[in-house]
N, C-alpha and C. Protein backbone atom coordinates (compact mmCIF):
# COMPACT_ATOMS: atom_id res chain seq x y z
N MET A 1 0.99 -1.26 0.37
CA MET A 1 0.32 -0.34 -0.01
C MET A 1 1.23 1.43 0.11
N ARG A 2 0.54 2.36 -0.85
CA ARG A 2 1.34 3.16 -0.91
C ARG A 2 0.28 4.60 -0.78
N THR A 3 0.85 5.72 0.02
CA THR A 3 -0.10 6.62 -0.03
C THR A 3 0.02 7.82 -0.27
N PHE A 4 -0.42 9.10 -0.69
CA PHE A 4 -0.38 10.01 -1.63
C PHE A 4 -0.82 11.04 -0.50
N ASP A 5 -1.31 12.73 -1.27
CA ASP A 5 -1.29 13.86 -0.78
C ASP A 5 -1.59 14.63 -1.73
N ILE A 6 -3.04 14.96 -1.93
CA ILE A 6 -3.27 15.52 -2.99
C ILE A 6 -3.12 17.33 -2.60
N ASN A 7 -3.00 17.21 -1.52
CA ASN A 7 -2.75 18.38 -0.96
C ASN A 7 -1.13 19.01 -0.76
N THR A 8 -1.52 18.42 -1.99
CA THR A 8 0.58 18.87 -2.09
C THR A 8 0.78 19.94 -2.71
N VAL A 9 1.57 20.95 -2.09
CA VAL A 9 2.01 22.45 -2.89
C VAL A 9 2.32 22.83 -4.10
N SER A 10 1.55 23.30 -4.96
CA SER A 10 2.21 23.52 -6.23
C SER A 10 3.03 23.84 -6.63
N ALA A 11 3.92 22.83 -8.27
CA ALA A 11 4.96 22.98 -8.33
C ALA A 11 5.29 23.73 -9.56
N GLY A 12 4.07 24.71 -9.81
CA GLY A 12 3.88 25.15 -11.20
C GLY A 12 2.16 24.79 -11.65
N GLN A 13 2.09 24.51 -13.42
CA GLN A 13 0.85 23.92 -13.70
C GLN A 13 0.47 21.72 -13.54
N LYS A 14 1.79 21.83 -13.03
CA LYS A 14 2.34 20.04 -13.22
C LYS A 14 2.82 19.47 -11.98
N THR A 15 2.17 19.39 -10.47
CA THR A 15 3.10 18.87 -9.64
C THR A 15 2.67 17.24 -9.82
N PRO A 16 4.23 16.66 -9.38
CA PRO A 16 3.76 15.33 -9.97
C PRO A 16 3.78 14.85 -7.84
N ILE A 17 2.56 13.38 -7.62
CA ILE A 17 2.48 13.33 -5.89
C ILE A 17 2.65 11.70 -6.19
N LEU A 18 2.94 10.82 -7.03
CA LEU A 18 3.01 9.80 -7.24
C LEU A 18 4.05 9.78 -8.84
N LYS A 19 4.74 9.52 -8.94
CA LYS A 19 5.42 8.15 -9.78
C LYS A 19 6.51 7.12 -10.03
N ASP A 20 6.09 6.01 -10.86
CA ASP A 20 7.17 5.19 -10.62
C ASP A 20 6.35 4.27 -12.14
N GLU A 21 7.13 2.98 -12.26
CA GLU A 21 7.26 2.47 -13.74
C GLU A 21 5.41 2.02 -13.67
N LYS A 22 4.58 2.24 -13.11
CA LYS A 22 3.21 1.50 -13.13
C LYS A 22 2.49 2.89 -13.07
N ARG A 23 2.48 3.53 -12.68
CA ARG A 23 1.07 5.29 -12.89
C ARG A 23 2.14 6.14 -12.57
N ALA A 24 1.26 7.45 -12.94
CA ALA A 24 2.18 8.78 -12.50
C ALA A 24 0.37 9.07 -11.70
N VAL A 25 0.34 9.72 -10.30
CA VAL A 25 -0.11 10.83 -10.08
C VAL A 25 0.45 12.29 -10.20
N MET A 26 -0.58 12.93 -10.21
CA MET A 26 -0.41 14.57 -10.27
C MET A 26 -1.39 15.76 -9.81
N ARG A 27 -0.55 16.80 -9.81
CA ARG A 27 -1.81 17.78 -8.82
C ARG A 27 -1.69 18.73 -10.65
N LEU A 28 -2.65 18.42 -11.11
CA LEU A 28 -2.81 19.88 -12.28
C LEU A 28 -3.93 21.17 -12.13
N ASP A 29 -2.69 22.14 -11.89
CA ASP A 29 -3.15 24.09 -10.94
C ASP A 29 -2.68 24.48 -12.97
N LEU A 30 -4.68 25.09 -13.52
CA LEU A 30 -4.38 25.96 -14.26
C LEU A 30 -5.12 27.31 -14.15
N LYS A 31 -5.18 28.25 -14.19
CA LYS A 31 -5.62 30.33 -13.93
C LYS A 31 -6.44 30.11 -14.89
N ALA A 32 -7.01 30.62 -15.25
CA ALA A 32 -8.68 31.02 -16.27
C ALA A 32 -7.74 31.36 -16.85
N GLY A 33 -8.26 30.07 -18.60
CA GLY A 33 -7.73 30.51 -19.83
C GLY A 33 -6.24 30.13 -20.04
N GLU A 34 -5.33 29.39 -19.37
CA GLU A 34 -3.77 28.50 -19.46
C GLU A 34 -5.19 27.21 -19.72
N ALA A 35 -4.43 26.86 -21.18
CA ALA A 35 -4.52 25.53 -21.62
C ALA A 35 -3.44 24.72 -21.70
N LEU A 36 -3.41 23.74 -21.44
CA LEU A 36 -2.49 22.36 -21.95
C LEU A 36 -2.43 21.81 -23.76
N SER A 37 -1.82 21.79 -24.98
CA SER A 37 -2.90 21.60 -25.63
C SER A 37 -1.92 20.10 -25.85
N SER A 38 -2.87 20.37 -27.49
CA SER A 38 -2.41 18.40 -27.72
C SER A 38 -1.84 17.49 -26.94
N HIS A 39 -2.21 16.55 -26.17
CA HIS A 39 -1.30 15.38 -25.51
C HIS A 39 -1.66 14.07 -26.06
N SER A 40 -0.84 13.71 -25.72
CA SER A 40 -1.78 11.77 -25.06
C SER A 40 -0.96 11.05 -23.81
N SER A 41 -1.23 10.11 -23.25
CA SER A 41 -1.06 9.55 -22.35
C SER A 41 -0.79 8.32 -22.13
N PRO A 42 0.23 7.62 -22.16
CA PRO A 42 0.80 6.42 -22.83
C PRO A 42 -0.56 4.88 -22.18
N GLY A 43 -1.39 5.12 -21.53
CA GLY A 43 -2.11 4.30 -21.37
C GLY A 43 -3.79 4.80 -20.54
N PRO A 44 -4.47 4.05 -20.08
CA PRO A 44 -5.52 4.69 -19.38
C PRO A 44 -4.84 6.00 -18.18
N LEU A 45 -6.15 7.67 -18.62
CA LEU A 45 -5.91 8.27 -17.16
C LEU A 45 -7.55 8.24 -17.53
N SER A 46 -7.55 8.78 -16.01
CA SER A 46 -8.31 10.12 -14.94
C SER A 46 -8.14 10.63 -14.54
N LEU A 47 -9.42 12.06 -14.66
CA LEU A 47 -8.83 13.61 -14.30
C LEU A 47 -10.44 14.29 -14.11
N LEU A 48 -10.80 14.71 -12.39
CA LEU A 48 -11.47 14.83 -11.37
C LEU A 48 -11.32 16.06 -11.51
N VAL A 49 -11.97 17.12 -11.30
CA VAL A 49 -11.80 18.65 -10.52
C VAL A 49 -12.08 19.04 -9.20
N PHE A 50 -11.38 19.24 -8.85
CA PHE A 50 -11.72 19.70 -7.35
C PHE A 50 -11.97 20.81 -6.90
N LYS A 51 -11.96 21.57 -8.13
CA LYS A 51 -11.76 23.45 -7.99
C LYS A 51 -11.97 23.62 -8.61
N GLY A 52 -13.16 24.90 -9.35
CA GLY A 52 -13.01 25.31 -10.39
C GLY A 52 -13.97 24.91 -11.91
N GLU A 53 -13.45 25.00 -12.76
CA GLU A 53 -13.65 24.78 -13.65
C GLU A 53 -13.01 24.34 -15.30
N LEU A 54 -13.10 23.66 -15.89
CA LEU A 54 -12.63 23.58 -17.12
C LEU A 54 -13.00 22.54 -18.23
N GLU A 55 -12.30 22.49 -20.02
CA GLU A 55 -13.09 22.73 -20.42
C GLU A 55 -11.92 21.22 -20.82
N PHE A 56 -12.59 20.10 -21.43
CA PHE A 56 -11.76 18.33 -21.25
C PHE A 56 -11.85 18.37 -22.94
N THR A 57 -11.13 18.68 -24.01
CA THR A 57 -11.39 18.11 -25.43
C THR A 57 -10.47 16.73 -25.79
N ASN A 58 -11.67 15.76 -26.49
CA ASN A 58 -10.73 14.60 -26.78
C ASN A 58 -10.53 15.16 -28.89
N ASP A 59 -9.49 14.94 -28.48
CA ASP A 59 -8.66 15.85 -30.26
C ASP A 59 -8.85 14.90 -31.08
N GLU A 60 -9.23 13.48 -30.77
CA GLU A 60 -9.24 12.58 -31.95
C GLU A 60 -11.14 13.04 -31.94
N THR A 61 -11.60 12.39 -30.92
CA THR A 61 -12.86 12.55 -32.13
C THR A 61 -14.31 14.23 -31.63
N ARG A 62 -13.16 15.36 -31.39
CA ARG A 62 -13.70 16.85 -31.24
C ARG A 62 -14.78 16.99 -29.82
N GLN A 63 -15.15 15.68 -29.06
CA GLN A 63 -15.79 16.10 -27.90
C GLN A 63 -14.96 16.67 -26.91
N LYS A 64 -15.95 17.55 -26.81
CA LYS A 64 -15.53 18.92 -25.45
C LYS A 64 -16.50 18.18 -24.49
N ALA A 65 -16.10 18.47 -23.39
CA ALA A 65 -16.82 18.27 -22.02
C ALA A 65 -16.07 19.03 -21.40
N THR A 66 -17.27 20.12 -20.74
CA THR A 66 -16.88 20.94 -19.59
C THR A 66 -17.27 20.63 -18.70
N LEU A 67 -16.04 20.20 -17.63
CA LEU A 67 -15.96 19.61 -16.37
C LEU A 67 -16.04 20.51 -14.88
N ALA A 68 -17.12 20.53 -14.22
CA ALA A 68 -17.11 21.26 -12.86
C ALA A 68 -16.83 20.46 -11.37
N VAL A 69 -16.53 20.83 -10.39
CA VAL A 69 -16.24 20.56 -9.18
C VAL A 69 -16.93 19.42 -9.06
N GLY A 70 -16.31 18.43 -9.13
CA GLY A 70 -16.89 16.73 -8.78
C GLY A 70 -16.76 16.44 -9.92
N GLN A 71 -16.88 17.12 -11.19
CA GLN A 71 -16.64 15.76 -12.13
C GLN A 71 -15.01 15.68 -12.85
N GLY A 72 -15.31 14.59 -13.82
CA GLY A 72 -14.61 14.10 -13.95
C GLY A 72 -14.38 13.37 -15.39
N VAL A 73 -13.46 12.41 -16.26
CA VAL A 73 -13.52 12.04 -17.27
C VAL A 73 -12.81 11.11 -17.09
N LEU A 74 -12.74 9.74 -17.50
CA LEU A 74 -11.77 8.27 -18.47
C LEU A 74 -11.75 8.69 -19.72
N MET A 75 -10.25 8.14 -19.86
CA MET A 75 -9.00 8.55 -20.86
C MET A 75 -9.19 6.83 -21.87
N ASP A 76 -9.05 6.95 -22.65
CA ASP A 76 -8.57 5.18 -23.20
C ASP A 76 -6.37 5.65 -23.34
N ARG A 77 -6.23 4.56 -23.58
CA ARG A 77 -4.51 5.18 -23.95
C ARG A 77 -4.13 5.52 -24.80
N LYS A 78 -3.19 6.61 -24.80
CA LYS A 78 -2.88 7.02 -26.34
C LYS A 78 -3.82 7.86 -27.03
N ALA A 79 -5.00 8.26 -26.43
CA ALA A 79 -6.26 9.06 -27.25
C ALA A 79 -5.39 10.30 -26.87
N LEU A 80 -5.68 11.31 -28.32
CA LEU A 80 -4.71 13.13 -27.15
C LEU A 80 -6.05 13.15 -27.35
N HIS A 81 -5.73 14.56 -26.18
CA HIS A 81 -6.72 15.68 -25.37
C HIS A 81 -6.16 16.74 -25.03
N SER A 82 -6.69 18.32 -24.67
CA SER A 82 -6.25 19.27 -24.53
C SER A 82 -7.46 19.26 -23.32
N VAL A 83 -7.19 20.77 -23.31
CA VAL A 83 -7.29 21.27 -21.56
C VAL A 83 -6.83 23.24 -21.99
N ARG A 84 -8.48 22.92 -20.86
CA ARG A 84 -8.07 24.76 -21.05
C ARG A 84 -9.34 24.88 -19.71
N ALA A 85 -7.85 26.03 -18.30
CA ALA A 85 -9.22 26.50 -17.57
C ALA A 85 -10.12 27.07 -18.02
N LEU A 86 -11.21 27.38 -17.55
CA LEU A 86 -12.69 28.67 -18.54
C LEU A 86 -12.37 29.47 -16.78
N LYS A 87 -11.96 28.62 -15.37
CA LYS A 87 -12.04 29.24 -14.59
C LYS A 87 -10.59 29.00 -13.26
N ASP A 88 -10.02 29.63 -12.79
CA ASP A 88 -8.69 29.44 -12.37
C ASP A 88 -9.37 27.13 -11.15
N THR A 89 -8.35 26.67 -11.92
CA THR A 89 -9.03 25.16 -11.75
C THR A 89 -7.32 24.09 -11.18
N THR A 90 -7.93 23.36 -10.27
CA THR A 90 -7.81 22.36 -9.53
C THR A 90 -7.82 20.45 -9.22
N CYS A 91 -6.98 20.13 -10.76
CA CYS A 91 -7.61 18.55 -10.91
C CYS A 91 -6.47 17.51 -10.11
N PHE A 92 -6.87 16.67 -10.41
CA PHE A 92 -6.20 15.32 -10.12
C PHE A 92 -6.17 14.53 -11.06
N VAL A 93 -5.09 14.74 -11.51
CA VAL A 93 -4.72 12.84 -12.33
C VAL A 93 -3.50 12.56 -12.19
N ASN A 94 -4.66 10.89 -13.13
CA ASN A 94 -3.97 9.53 -12.37
C ASN A 94 -3.90 8.95 -14.39
N ALA A 95 -2.57 8.76 -14.50
CA ALA A 95 -2.54 7.85 -15.57
C ALA A 95 -1.46 6.45 -15.12
N ILE A 96 -2.66 5.58 -15.94
CA ILE A 96 -1.79 4.59 -15.36
C ILE A 96 -0.73 4.19 -17.16
N PHE A 97 0.26 3.08 -16.83
CA PHE A 97 1.43 2.98 -18.09
C PHE A 97 0.71 2.15 -18.73
N ALA A 98 0.06 1.53 -19.46
CA ALA A 98 -0.05 0.24 -20.20
C ALA A 98 0.33 -0.27 -20.74
């Protein structure tokens, strides 16, 4: 068993909380209007919004979802996606390296 704390003090946009050969857990902090351009994860990922509001885009299907506090998204591996903060936003991201 490994524990982690999502309240880890932010060190910029992406703050690693836990990373090993199987997974990466990170805190994502974006100011309103900031974005992460199209990218993919080597494995499935989940994203959960803890604060703010985020637009999440599946760049392959062009599907968009506006995610508020308590909402999230699951993505298959290697699916291109991008995000844009509609408000100052804090998210929790869990990526599995499959």
